[in-house]
Amino acid sequence: MGELDGASLGETLELLKTSEIDGMGLHPEGSNYVFIVRLKVDDGLEPIHAMYKPRSGERPLRDFPAGTLYKRETASFELSAALGWPRIPPTVIREGPHGIGSVQLFIDAQPDGNYFSLRESMLANFEEIALFDLITNNADRKGGAVLQDDAGKIWAIDHGLTFNPYARLRTVMWEFCGEEFSPALIEDLKSFRALIEPGRSMAAALGELIDDDEVAYLAARIDNVIEDPVFPVLDPDLNVPWPVV
């Protein structure tokens, strides 16, 4: 998932973590400071590009602890990799020119591709993202937080506002309200669930990125979905991100 040509996921993560940053530009559309960086790769390979979100550039928020968004980005990738869905670009934590932050593989996406332009023809491709947002309590699923690459694959990005038990779910994926999730996805959650019991592998991995209480709330949300595998009916006054794109 999200591998560079000819490289395994592990090799891609290692390149993101260790490659020298030899070029950087400020992304113009982020509410926090987001940089597009060029990573120098050895062995005569072409440089790779990534999105660098430093902790120092995070805007203080009322409902999220300060300086934690880059960890939530990375925890979302780790969770998606363990589940096998949705497709989130490989993400690591590392030092950069503005200090520690998340570094995520840049996806060369179609410029006009977003949830609103794609949902009519390929709505089923977004079910995994809708379910992932529900279990992670994503407070910021905008239409532009999904991408389509040149091969037609759908990617989910921008997961800094996840895992907080008190923030509201905010999403533009209202077509799923009241709909039952596919049995195969629920089976994936059942298989995964034991891994976030205290002392288990994913509980430990996520516990290095988010609070233990947030891991426990993640487990509780997964239990709720397994028991009642239906996307909730949302409130149009409370459950919409701003801006929606």
C-alpha atoms as a PDB file:
ATOM      1  CA  MET A   1       0.000   0.000   0.000  1.00  0.00           C
ATOM      2  CA  GLY A   2       1.454   3.337  -1.003  1.00  0.00           C
ATOM      3  CA  GLU A   3       4.796   1.910  -2.059  1.00  0.00           C
ATOM      4  CA  LEU A   4       7.285   3.652  -4.313  1.00  0.00           C
ATOM      5  CA  ASP A   5       7.993   1.876  -7.598  1.00  0.00           C
ATOM      6  CA  GLY A   6      10.112  -1.164  -6.845  1.00  0.00           C
ATOM      7  CA  ALA A   7      10.135  -0.578  -3.086  1.00  0.00           C
ATOM      8  CA  SER A   8       8.264  -2.387  -0.332  1.00  0.00           C
ATOM      9  CA  LEU A   9       6.202  -0.499   2.196  1.00  0.00           C
ATOM     10  CA  GLY A  10       8.977  -0.942   4.755  1.00  0.00           C
ATOM     11  CA  GLU A  11      11.556   0.449   2.339  1.00  0.00           C
ATOM     12  CA  THR A  12       9.291   3.395   1.549  1.00  0.00           C
ATOM     13  CA  LEU A  13       8.880   4.186   5.243  1.00  0.00           C
ATOM     14  CA  GLU A  14      12.640   3.996   5.733  1.00  0.00           C
ATOM     15  CA  LEU A  15      13.227   6.415   2.853  1.00  0.00           C
ATOM     16  CA  LEU A  16      10.726   8.864   4.320  1.00  0.00           C
ATOM     17  CA  LYS A  17      12.362   8.614   7.730  1.00  0.00           C
ATOM     18  CA  THR A  18      16.032   8.851   6.761  1.00  0.00           C
ATOM     19  CA  SER A  19      16.386  10.602   3.391  1.00  0.00           C
ATOM     20  CA  GLU A  20      17.901  14.071   3.388  1.00  0.00           C
ATOM     21  CA  ILE A  21      15.453  16.935   2.882  1.00  0.00           C
ATOM     22  CA  ASP A  22      17.064  19.069   0.176  1.00  0.00           C
ATOM     23  CA  GLY A  23      14.150  21.233  -0.943  1.00  0.00           C
ATOM     24  CA  MET A  24      11.016  22.663   0.654  1.00  0.00           C
ATOM     25  CA  GLY A  25       8.076  24.901  -0.218  1.00  0.00           C
ATOM     26  CA  LEU A  26       5.089  26.074   1.824  1.00  0.00           C
ATOM     27  CA  HIS A  27       1.778  24.496   0.814  1.00  0.00           C
ATOM     28  CA  PRO A  28      -0.626  27.418   0.255  1.00  0.00           C
ATOM     29  CA  GLU A  29      -3.899  25.878   1.405  1.00  0.00           C
ATOM     30  CA  GLY A  30      -3.310  24.464   4.895  1.00  0.00           C
ATOM     31  CA  SER A  31      -4.804  25.947   8.077  1.00  0.00           C
ATOM     32  CA  ASN A  32      -1.598  24.782   9.771  1.00  0.00           C
ATOM     33  CA  TYR A  33       1.877  25.131   8.301  1.00  0.00           C
ATOM     34  CA  VAL A  34       2.311  22.363   5.741  1.00  0.00           C
ATOM     35  CA  PHE A  35       5.368  21.998   3.509  1.00  0.00           C
ATOM     36  CA  ILE A  36       6.022  20.039   0.347  1.00  0.00           C
ATOM     37  CA  VAL A  37       9.533  18.656   0.688  1.00  0.00           C
ATOM     38  CA  ARG A  38      11.912  16.949  -1.700  1.00  0.00           C
ATOM     39  CA  LEU A  39      13.798  13.992  -0.301  1.00  0.00           C
ATOM     40  CA  LYS A  40      17.174  13.069  -1.728  1.00  0.00           C
ATOM     41  CA  VAL A  41      17.393   9.373  -2.522  1.00  0.00           C
ATOM     42  CA  ASP A  42      20.681   7.520  -3.006  1.00  0.00           C
ATOM     43  CA  ASP A  43      21.685   5.080  -5.751  1.00  0.00           C
ATOM     44  CA  GLY A  44      20.905   7.481  -8.560  1.00  0.00           C
ATOM     45  CA  LEU A  45      17.137   7.298  -8.039  1.00  0.00           C
ATOM     46  CA  GLU A  46      14.834  10.218  -8.647  1.00  0.00           C
ATOM     47  CA  PRO A  47      14.044  12.368  -5.574  1.00  0.00           C
ATOM     48  CA  ILE A  48      10.738  11.682  -3.859  1.00  0.00           C
ATOM     49  CA  HIS A  49       8.318  14.245  -2.499  1.00  0.00           C
ATOM     50  CA  ALA A  50       6.413  14.294   0.753  1.00  0.00           C
ATOM     51  CA  MET A  51       4.148  16.453   2.909  1.00  0.00           C
ATOM     52  CA  TYR A  52       5.895  17.699   6.045  1.00  0.00           C
ATOM     53  CA  LYS A  53       3.676  18.887   8.920  1.00  0.00           C
ATOM     54  CA  PRO A  54       5.843  20.147  11.796  1.00  0.00           C
ATOM     55  CA  ARG A  55       4.535  20.276  15.340  1.00  0.00           C
ATOM     56  CA  SER A  56       5.743  23.880  15.535  1.00  0.00           C
ATOM     57  CA  GLY A  57       3.325  24.862  12.752  1.00  0.00           C
ATOM     58  CA  GLU A  58       0.174  23.470  14.371  1.00  0.00           C
ATOM     59  CA  ARG A  59      -2.508  26.012  15.166  1.00  0.00           C
ATOM     60  CA  PRO A  60      -3.885  25.719  18.738  1.00  0.00           C
ATOM     61  CA  LEU A  61      -7.338  24.116  18.822  1.00  0.00           C
ATOM     62  CA  ARG A  62      -9.985  24.105  21.514  1.00  0.00           C
ATOM     63  CA  ASP A  63     -10.781  20.403  21.391  1.00  0.00           C
ATOM     64  CA  PHE A  64      -7.363  18.831  20.676  1.00  0.00           C
ATOM     65  CA  PRO A  65      -4.283  18.869  22.906  1.00  0.00           C
ATOM     66  CA  ALA A  66      -1.591  21.212  21.581  1.00  0.00           C
ATOM     67  CA  GLY A  67       1.246  19.687  19.605  1.00  0.00           C
ATOM     68  CA  THR A  68      -0.410  16.317  18.935  1.00  0.00           C
ATOM     69  CA  LEU A  69      -1.765  16.563  15.389  1.00  0.00           C
ATOM     70  CA  TYR A  70       1.347  15.181  13.710  1.00  0.00           C
ATOM     71  CA  LYS A  71       1.151  12.116  15.959  1.00  0.00           C
ATOM     72  CA  ARG A  72      -2.508  11.622  15.062  1.00  0.00           C
ATOM     73  CA  GLU A  73      -1.603  11.740  11.366  1.00  0.00           C
ATOM     74  CA  THR A  74       0.894   8.954  11.959  1.00  0.00           C
ATOM     75  CA  ALA A  75      -1.409   6.923  14.208  1.00  0.00           C
ATOM     76  CA  SER A  76      -4.053   7.008  11.471  1.00  0.00           C
ATOM     77  CA  PHE A  77      -1.590   5.564   8.971  1.00  0.00           C
ATOM     78  CA  GLU A  78      -0.491   2.872  11.428  1.00  0.00           C
ATOM     79  CA  LEU A  79      -4.109   1.886  12.057  1.00  0.00           C
ATOM     80  CA  SER A  80      -4.957   1.797   8.339  1.00  0.00           C
ATOM     81  CA  ALA A  81      -1.899  -0.337   7.608  1.00  0.00           C
ATOM     82  CA  ALA A  82      -2.947  -2.836  10.281  1.00  0.00           C
ATOM     83  CA  LEU A  83      -6.551  -2.964   9.053  1.00  0.00           C
ATOM     84  CA  GLY A  84      -5.636  -3.009   5.376  1.00  0.00           C
ATOM     85  CA  TRP A  85      -7.875  -0.005   4.647  1.00  0.00           C
ATOM     86  CA  PRO A  86      -8.393   2.749   3.750  1.00  0.00           C
ATOM     87  CA  ARG A  87      -5.458   3.678   1.534  1.00  0.00           C
ATOM     88  CA  ILE A  88      -3.464   6.307   3.474  1.00  0.00           C
ATOM     89  CA  PRO A  89      -0.042   7.398   2.168  1.00  0.00           C
ATOM     90  CA  PRO A  90       2.907   6.035   4.185  1.00  0.00           C
ATOM     91  CA  THR A  91       3.587   8.384   7.093  1.00  0.00           C
ATOM     92  CA  VAL A  92       6.451   8.663   9.588  1.00  0.00           C
ATOM     93  CA  ILE A  93       7.596  10.965  12.359  1.00  0.00           C
ATOM     94  CA  ARG A  94      10.979  12.601  11.935  1.00  0.00           C
ATOM     95  CA  GLU A  95      12.961  15.779  12.413  1.00  0.00           C
ATOM     96  CA  GLY A  96      12.821  18.391   9.668  1.00  0.00           C
ATOM     97  CA  PRO A  97      13.858  21.997   9.064  1.00  0.00           C
ATOM     98  CA  HIS A  98      11.123  23.249  11.437  1.00  0.00           C
ATOM     99  CA  GLY A  99      11.517  20.508  14.034  1.00  0.00           C
ATOM    100  CA  ILE A 100       9.764  17.232  14.611  1.00  0.00           C
ATOM    101  CA  GLY A 101       6.645  16.464  12.611  1.00  0.00           C
ATOM    102  CA  SER A 102       4.930  13.994  10.330  1.00  0.00           C
ATOM    103  CA  VAL A 103       6.261  13.273   6.850  1.00  0.00           C
ATOM    104  CA  GLN A 104       3.833  11.633   4.421  1.00  0.00           C
ATOM    105  CA  LEU A 105       4.500  10.370   0.923  1.00  0.00           C
ATOM    106  CA  PHE A 106       3.172  12.851  -1.638  1.00  0.00           C
ATOM    107  CA  ILE A 107       0.455  11.455  -3.905  1.00  0.00           C
ATOM    108  CA  ASP A 108       0.449  12.809  -7.449  1.00  0.00           C
ATOM    109  CA  ALA A 109      -3.312  13.227  -7.668  1.00  0.00           C
ATOM    110  CA  GLN A 110      -5.720  14.349 -10.349  1.00  0.00           C
ATOM    111  CA  PRO A 111      -6.288  18.077  -9.765  1.00  0.00           C
ATOM    112  CA  ASP A 112     -10.085  17.981  -9.973  1.00  0.00           C
ATOM    113  CA  GLY A 113     -10.570  14.754  -8.025  1.00  0.00           C
ATOM    114  CA  ASN A 114     -12.350  15.089  -4.672  1.00  0.00           C
ATOM    115  CA  TYR A 115     -15.271  13.479  -2.910  1.00  0.00           C
ATOM    116  CA  PHE A 116     -17.856  15.702  -4.556  1.00  0.00           C
ATOM    117  CA  SER A 117     -16.577  15.114  -8.098  1.00  0.00           C
ATOM    118  CA  LEU A 118     -16.083  11.372  -7.625  1.00  0.00           C
ATOM    119  CA  ARG A 119     -18.959  10.183  -5.427  1.00  0.00           C
ATOM    120  CA  GLU A 120     -21.560   9.790  -8.175  1.00  0.00           C
ATOM    121  CA  SER A 121     -19.468   7.342 -10.195  1.00  0.00           C
ATOM    122  CA  MET A 122     -17.597   5.525  -7.420  1.00  0.00           C
ATOM    123  CA  LEU A 123     -19.387   5.965  -4.106  1.00  0.00           C
ATOM    124  CA  ALA A 124     -18.652   2.386  -2.995  1.00  0.00           C
ATOM    125  CA  ASN A 125     -14.933   3.203  -3.020  1.00  0.00           C
ATOM    126  CA  PHE A 126     -15.468   5.585  -0.108  1.00  0.00           C
ATOM    127  CA  GLU A 127     -17.123   3.122   2.268  1.00  0.00           C
ATOM    128  CA  GLU A 128     -13.792   2.151   3.847  1.00  0.00           C
ATOM    129  CA  ILE A 129     -13.003   5.811   4.499  1.00  0.00           C
ATOM    130  CA  ALA A 130     -16.432   6.457   6.018  1.00  0.00           C
ATOM    131  CA  LEU A 131     -16.015   3.524   8.394  1.00  0.00           C
ATOM    132  CA  PHE A 132     -12.440   4.517   9.252  1.00  0.00           C
ATOM    133  CA  ASP A 133     -13.634   8.047  10.073  1.00  0.00           C
ATOM    134  CA  LEU A 134     -16.308   6.619  12.338  1.00  0.00           C
ATOM    135  CA  ILE A 135     -13.952   4.465  14.399  1.00  0.00           C
ATOM    136  CA  THR A 136     -11.272   7.186  14.587  1.00  0.00           C
ATOM    137  CA  ASN A 137     -13.821   9.932  15.283  1.00  0.00           C
ATOM    138  CA  ASN A 138     -12.422  12.063  12.468  1.00  0.00           C
ATOM    139  CA  ALA A 139     -13.431  15.686  12.985  1.00  0.00           C
ATOM    140  CA  ASP A 140     -12.273  16.931   9.589  1.00  0.00           C
ATOM    141  CA  ARG A 141     -13.278  14.808   6.577  1.00  0.00           C
ATOM    142  CA  LYS A 142     -13.504  17.496   3.920  1.00  0.00           C
ATOM    143  CA  GLY A 143     -14.246  16.769   0.287  1.00  0.00           C
ATOM    144  CA  GLY A 144     -10.647  17.559  -0.618  1.00  0.00           C
ATOM    145  CA  ALA A 145      -9.290  15.125   1.969  1.00  0.00           C
ATOM    146  CA  VAL A 146      -9.641  12.321  -0.556  1.00  0.00           C
ATOM    147  CA  LEU A 147      -7.516  12.041  -3.690  1.00  0.00           C
ATOM    148  CA  GLN A 148      -7.537   9.974  -6.857  1.00  0.00           C
ATOM    149  CA  ASP A 149      -4.170   9.121  -8.353  1.00  0.00           C
ATOM    150  CA  ASP A 150      -3.387   8.582 -12.019  1.00  0.00           C
ATOM    151  CA  ALA A 151      -4.081   4.852 -11.659  1.00  0.00           C
ATOM    152  CA  GLY A 152      -7.584   5.565 -10.351  1.00  0.00           C
ATOM    153  CA  LYS A 153      -6.829   4.599  -6.744  1.00  0.00           C
ATOM    154  CA  ILE A 154      -8.527   6.546  -3.944  1.00  0.00           C
ATOM    155  CA  TRP A 155      -6.396   7.883  -1.091  1.00  0.00           C
ATOM    156  CA  ALA A 156      -7.445   9.388   2.241  1.00  0.00           C
ATOM    157  CA  ILE A 157      -5.358  12.237   3.669  1.00  0.00           C
ATOM    158  CA  ASP A 158      -5.438  14.842   6.463  1.00  0.00           C
ATOM    159  CA  HIS A 159      -5.938  12.838   9.650  1.00  0.00           C
ATOM    160  CA  GLY A 160      -4.645  15.287  12.244  1.00  0.00           C
ATOM    161  CA  LEU A 161      -8.065  15.647  13.901  1.00  0.00           C
ATOM    162  CA  THR A 162      -8.625  12.014  14.835  1.00  0.00           C
ATOM    163  CA  PHE A 163      -8.909   9.817  17.940  1.00  0.00           C
ATOM    164  CA  ASN A 164     -10.039  12.564  20.338  1.00  0.00           C
ATOM    165  CA  PRO A 165     -13.001  11.065  22.268  1.00  0.00           C
ATOM    166  CA  TYR A 166     -14.644  14.455  22.793  1.00  0.00           C
ATOM    167  CA  ALA A 167     -14.488  16.039  19.340  1.00  0.00           C
ATOM    168  CA  ARG A 168     -17.439  15.549  17.011  1.00  0.00           C
ATOM    169  CA  LEU A 169     -17.364  13.411  13.888  1.00  0.00           C
ATOM    170  CA  ARG A 170     -17.385  15.881  10.995  1.00  0.00           C
ATOM    171  CA  THR A 171     -17.667  14.631   7.427  1.00  0.00           C
ATOM    172  CA  VAL A 172     -19.044  15.355   3.985  1.00  0.00           C
ATOM    173  CA  MET A 173     -19.845  11.680   3.369  1.00  0.00           C
ATOM    174  CA  TRP A 174     -23.515  12.002   4.203  1.00  0.00           C
ATOM    175  CA  GLU A 175     -24.562   9.457   1.583  1.00  0.00           C
ATOM    176  CA  PHE A 176     -23.625   6.750   4.114  1.00  0.00           C
ATOM    177  CA  CYS A 177     -25.975   7.973   6.855  1.00  0.00           C
ATOM    178  CA  GLY A 178     -28.182   5.097   7.990  1.00  0.00           C
ATOM    179  CA  GLU A 179     -26.440   2.628   5.679  1.00  0.00           C
ATOM    180  CA  GLU A 180     -25.132  -0.721   6.892  1.00  0.00           C
ATOM    181  CA  PHE A 181     -21.441  -1.415   6.393  1.00  0.00           C
ATOM    182  CA  SER A 182     -20.252  -4.323   4.267  1.00  0.00           C
ATOM    183  CA  PRO A 183     -19.836  -7.591   6.218  1.00  0.00           C
ATOM    184  CA  ALA A 184     -16.231  -7.969   5.014  1.00  0.00           C
ATOM    185  CA  LEU A 185     -15.235  -4.683   6.649  1.00  0.00           C
ATOM    186  CA  ILE A 186     -16.909  -5.670   9.897  1.00  0.00           C
ATOM    187  CA  GLU A 187     -15.056  -8.997   9.825  1.00  0.00           C
ATOM    188  CA  ASP A 188     -11.804  -7.043   9.446  1.00  0.00           C
ATOM    189  CA  LEU A 189     -12.685  -5.057  12.571  1.00  0.00           C
ATOM    190  CA  LYS A 190     -13.485  -8.243  14.486  1.00  0.00           C
ATOM    191  CA  SER A 191     -10.107  -9.734  13.517  1.00  0.00           C
ATOM    192  CA  PHE A 192      -8.287  -6.534  14.432  1.00  0.00           C
ATOM    193  CA  ARG A 193     -10.072  -5.839  17.701  1.00  0.00           C
ATOM    194  CA  ALA A 194      -7.938  -8.095  19.922  1.00  0.00           C
ATOM    195  CA  LEU A 195      -4.766  -6.285  18.820  1.00  0.00           C
ATOM    196  CA  ILE A 196      -5.723  -3.161  20.758  1.00  0.00           C
ATOM    197  CA  GLU A 197      -6.345  -4.890  24.046  1.00  0.00           C
ATOM    198  CA  PRO A 198      -3.967  -3.518  26.718  1.00  0.00           C
ATOM    199  CA  GLY A 199      -0.525  -5.039  26.293  1.00  0.00           C
ATOM    200  CA  ARG A 200      -1.090  -6.161  22.691  1.00  0.00           C
ATOM    201  CA  SER A 201       0.989  -5.025  19.726  1.00  0.00           C
ATOM    202  CA  MET A 202      -1.218  -2.330  18.211  1.00  0.00           C
ATOM    203  CA  ALA A 203      -2.232  -0.960  21.596  1.00  0.00           C
ATOM    204  CA  ALA A 204       1.455  -0.445  22.332  1.00  0.00           C
ATOM    205  CA  ALA A 205       2.190   1.070  18.914  1.00  0.00           C
ATOM    206  CA  LEU A 206      -0.756   3.462  19.064  1.00  0.00           C
ATOM    207  CA  GLY A 207      -0.007   4.240  22.714  1.00  0.00           C
ATOM    208  CA  GLU A 208       3.255   5.845  21.625  1.00  0.00           C
ATOM    209  CA  LEU A 209       1.289   8.291  19.470  1.00  0.00           C
ATOM    210  CA  ILE A 210      -2.009   8.925  21.282  1.00  0.00           C
ATOM    211  CA  ASP A 211      -3.105   8.665  24.912  1.00  0.00           C
ATOM    212  CA  ASP A 212      -4.011   5.311  26.419  1.00  0.00           C
ATOM    213  CA  ASP A 213      -7.517   6.661  27.029  1.00  0.00           C
ATOM    214  CA  GLU A 214      -7.812   7.478  23.331  1.00  0.00           C
ATOM    215  CA  VAL A 215      -6.787   3.927  22.449  1.00  0.00           C
ATOM    216  CA  ALA A 216      -9.472   2.673  24.843  1.00  0.00           C
ATOM    217  CA  TYR A 217     -12.088   4.912  23.214  1.00  0.00           C
ATOM    218  CA  LEU A 218     -11.004   3.610  19.792  1.00  0.00           C
ATOM    219  CA  ALA A 219     -11.624   0.079  21.036  1.00  0.00           C
ATOM    220  CA  ALA A 220     -15.032   1.105  22.368  1.00  0.00           C
ATOM    221  CA  ARG A 221     -16.025   2.675  19.050  1.00  0.00           C
ATOM    222  CA  ILE A 222     -14.978  -0.479  17.212  1.00  0.00           C
ATOM    223  CA  ASP A 223     -17.091  -2.535  19.629  1.00  0.00           C
ATOM    224  CA  ASN A 224     -20.063  -0.275  18.949  1.00  0.00           C
ATOM    225  CA  VAL A 225     -19.693  -0.674  15.185  1.00  0.00           C
ATOM    226  CA  ILE A 226     -19.360  -4.453  15.450  1.00  0.00           C
ATOM    227  CA  GLU A 227     -22.540  -4.559  17.534  1.00  0.00           C
ATOM    228  CA  ASP A 228     -24.429  -2.111  15.309  1.00  0.00           C
ATOM    229  CA  PRO A 229     -22.702  -1.900  11.891  1.00  0.00           C
ATOM    230  CA  VAL A 230     -24.624   1.124  10.623  1.00  0.00           C
ATOM    231  CA  PHE A 231     -23.312   4.587   9.843  1.00  0.00           C
ATOM    232  CA  PRO A 232     -25.104   7.035  12.166  1.00  0.00           C
ATOM    233  CA  VAL A 233     -27.570   9.641  10.973  1.00  0.00           C
ATOM    234  CA  LEU A 234     -25.745  12.930  11.473  1.00  0.00           C
ATOM    235  CA  ASP A 235     -26.818  16.429  12.473  1.00  0.00           C
ATOM    236  CA  PRO A 236     -26.329  18.990   9.664  1.00  0.00           C
ATOM    237  CA  ASP A 237     -25.670  21.705  12.238  1.00  0.00           C
ATOM    238  CA  LEU A 238     -22.962  19.814  14.123  1.00  0.00           C
ATOM    239  CA  ASN A 239     -21.337  17.168  11.956  1.00  0.00           C
ATOM    240  CA  VAL A 240     -20.096  19.154   8.943  1.00  0.00           C
ATOM    241  CA  PRO A 241     -16.470  20.331   8.551  1.00  0.00           C
ATOM    242  CA  TRP A 242     -15.644  23.862   7.500  1.00  0.00           C
ATOM    243  CA  PRO A 243     -14.823  24.500   4.768  1.00  0.00           C
ATOM    244  CA  VAL A 244     -16.428  21.473   3.172  1.00  0.00           C
ATOM    245  CA  VAL A 245     -13.720  21.238   0.499  1.00  0.00           C
END
